[in-house]
C-alpha atoms as a PDB file:
ATOM      1  CA  UNK A   1      21.885  -3.659  41.964  1.00  0.00           C
ATOM      2  CA  UNK A   2      23.945  -5.587  39.420  1.00  0.00           C
ATOM      3  CA  UNK A   3      24.826  -8.200  42.030  1.00  0.00           C
ATOM      4  CA  UNK A   4      21.147  -8.676  42.966  1.00  0.00           C
ATOM      5  CA  UNK A   5      20.138  -9.299  39.340  1.00  0.00           C
ATOM      6  CA  UNK A   6      22.999 -11.739  38.750  1.00  0.00           C
ATOM      7  CA  UNK A   7      22.136 -13.579  41.987  1.00  0.00           C
ATOM      8  CA  UNK A   8      18.494 -13.907  40.887  1.00  0.00           C
ATOM      9  CA  UNK A   9      19.560 -15.320  37.523  1.00  0.00           C
ATOM     10  CA  UNK A  10      22.000 -17.734  39.187  1.00  0.00           C
ATOM     11  CA  UNK A  11      19.185 -18.868  41.518  1.00  0.00           C
ATOM     12  CA  UNK A  12      17.056 -19.596  38.455  1.00  0.00           C
ATOM     13  CA  UNK A  13      19.922 -21.531  36.842  1.00  0.00           C
ATOM     14  CA  UNK A  14      20.548 -23.695  39.913  1.00  0.00           C
ATOM     15  CA  UNK A  15      17.086 -24.153  41.445  1.00  0.00           C
ATOM     16  CA  UNK A  16      14.534 -23.801  38.630  1.00  0.00           C
ATOM     17  CA  UNK A  17      16.172 -24.570  35.301  1.00  0.00           C
ATOM     18  CA  UNK A  18      17.211 -28.172  36.123  1.00  0.00           C
ATOM     19  CA  UNK A  19      13.519 -29.089  36.460  1.00  0.00           C
ATOM     20  CA  UNK A  20      12.550 -27.667  33.060  1.00  0.00           C
ATOM     21  CA  UNK A  21      13.199 -29.290  29.685  1.00  0.00           C
ATOM     22  CA  UNK A  22      16.106 -27.815  27.741  1.00  0.00           C
ATOM     23  CA  UNK A  23      14.694 -25.390  25.218  1.00  0.00           C
ATOM     24  CA  UNK A  24      17.305 -22.686  24.585  1.00  0.00           C
ATOM     25  CA  UNK A  25      18.406 -22.681  20.956  1.00  0.00           C
ATOM     26  CA  UNK A  26      21.486 -20.551  21.552  1.00  0.00           C
ATOM     27  CA  UNK A  27      24.936 -20.906  23.063  1.00  0.00           C
ATOM     28  CA  UNK A  28      25.525 -19.574  25.649  1.00  0.00           C
ATOM     29  CA  UNK A  29      22.086 -20.220  27.120  1.00  0.00           C
ATOM     30  CA  UNK A  30      19.734 -17.280  27.499  1.00  0.00           C
ATOM     31  CA  UNK A  31      20.240 -17.135  31.268  1.00  0.00           C
ATOM     32  CA  UNK A  32      24.039 -17.205  30.938  1.00  0.00           C
ATOM     33  CA  UNK A  33      23.769 -14.542  28.224  1.00  0.00           C
ATOM     34  CA  UNK A  34      21.750 -12.415  30.669  1.00  0.00           C
ATOM     35  CA  UNK A  35      24.440 -12.744  33.347  1.00  0.00           C
ATOM     36  CA  UNK A  36      27.169 -11.786  30.873  1.00  0.00           C
ATOM     37  CA  UNK A  37      25.162  -8.850  29.485  1.00  0.00           C
ATOM     38  CA  UNK A  38      24.342  -7.436  32.933  1.00  0.00           C
ATOM     39  CA  UNK A  39      27.951  -7.858  34.039  1.00  0.00           C
ATOM     40  CA  UNK A  40      29.339  -6.189  30.918  1.00  0.00           C
ATOM     41  CA  UNK A  41      26.780  -3.436  30.231  1.00  0.00           C
ATOM     42  CA  UNK A  42      25.052  -2.802  33.550  1.00  0.00           C
ATOM     43  CA  UNK A  43      21.522  -3.509  34.700  1.00  0.00           C
ATOM     44  CA  UNK A  44      19.379  -1.540  32.251  1.00  0.00           C
ATOM     45  CA  UNK A  45      21.175  -2.242  28.983  1.00  0.00           C
ATOM     46  CA  UNK A  46      22.019  -5.788  30.100  1.00  0.00           C
ATOM     47  CA  UNK A  47      18.387  -6.637  30.860  1.00  0.00           C
ATOM     48  CA  UNK A  48      17.245  -5.090  27.576  1.00  0.00           C
ATOM     49  CA  UNK A  49      19.764  -7.215  25.674  1.00  0.00           C
ATOM     50  CA  UNK A  50      18.664 -10.294  27.632  1.00  0.00           C
ATOM     51  CA  UNK A  51      14.981  -9.586  26.925  1.00  0.00           C
ATOM     52  CA  UNK A  52      15.702  -9.217  23.207  1.00  0.00           C
ATOM     53  CA  UNK A  53      17.628 -12.493  23.284  1.00  0.00           C
ATOM     54  CA  UNK A  54      14.741 -14.294  25.009  1.00  0.00           C
ATOM     55  CA  UNK A  55      12.323 -12.953  22.388  1.00  0.00           C
ATOM     56  CA  UNK A  56      14.579 -14.372  19.654  1.00  0.00           C
ATOM     57  CA  UNK A  57      14.769 -17.780  21.354  1.00  0.00           C
ATOM     58  CA  UNK A  58      11.795 -19.496  19.764  1.00  0.00           C
ATOM     59  CA  UNK A  59      11.095 -22.517  17.531  1.00  0.00           C
ATOM     60  CA  UNK A  60      11.345 -20.376  14.382  1.00  0.00           C
ATOM     61  CA  UNK A  61      14.864 -19.180  15.189  1.00  0.00           C
ATOM     62  CA  UNK A  62      17.857 -21.191  13.952  1.00  0.00           C
ATOM     63  CA  UNK A  63      19.741 -20.459  17.195  1.00  0.00           C
ATOM     64  CA  UNK A  64      23.480 -21.106  17.294  1.00  0.00           C
ATOM     65  CA  UNK A  65      26.427 -19.252  18.782  1.00  0.00           C
ATOM     66  CA  UNK A  66      25.445 -15.755  19.922  1.00  0.00           C
ATOM     67  CA  UNK A  67      27.900 -14.197  22.401  1.00  0.00           C
ATOM     68  CA  UNK A  68      27.479 -10.891  24.215  1.00  0.00           C
ATOM     69  CA  UNK A  69      29.206  -8.325  22.022  1.00  0.00           C
END
């Protein structure tokens, strides 16, 4: 299951993201963070961490360096 999720995120990064304006305020990007979180913590916890990260990625957030811990 982990491989399926990571493949879906990689598809988004390669096929969808290049056509959208850059808007992520964090480094690594939210999609790369999701890949790292799913790889490190598994599907459920990784997706929850990624969802929380995406919720924090907004114009009111200062952004910056935010690695998977």
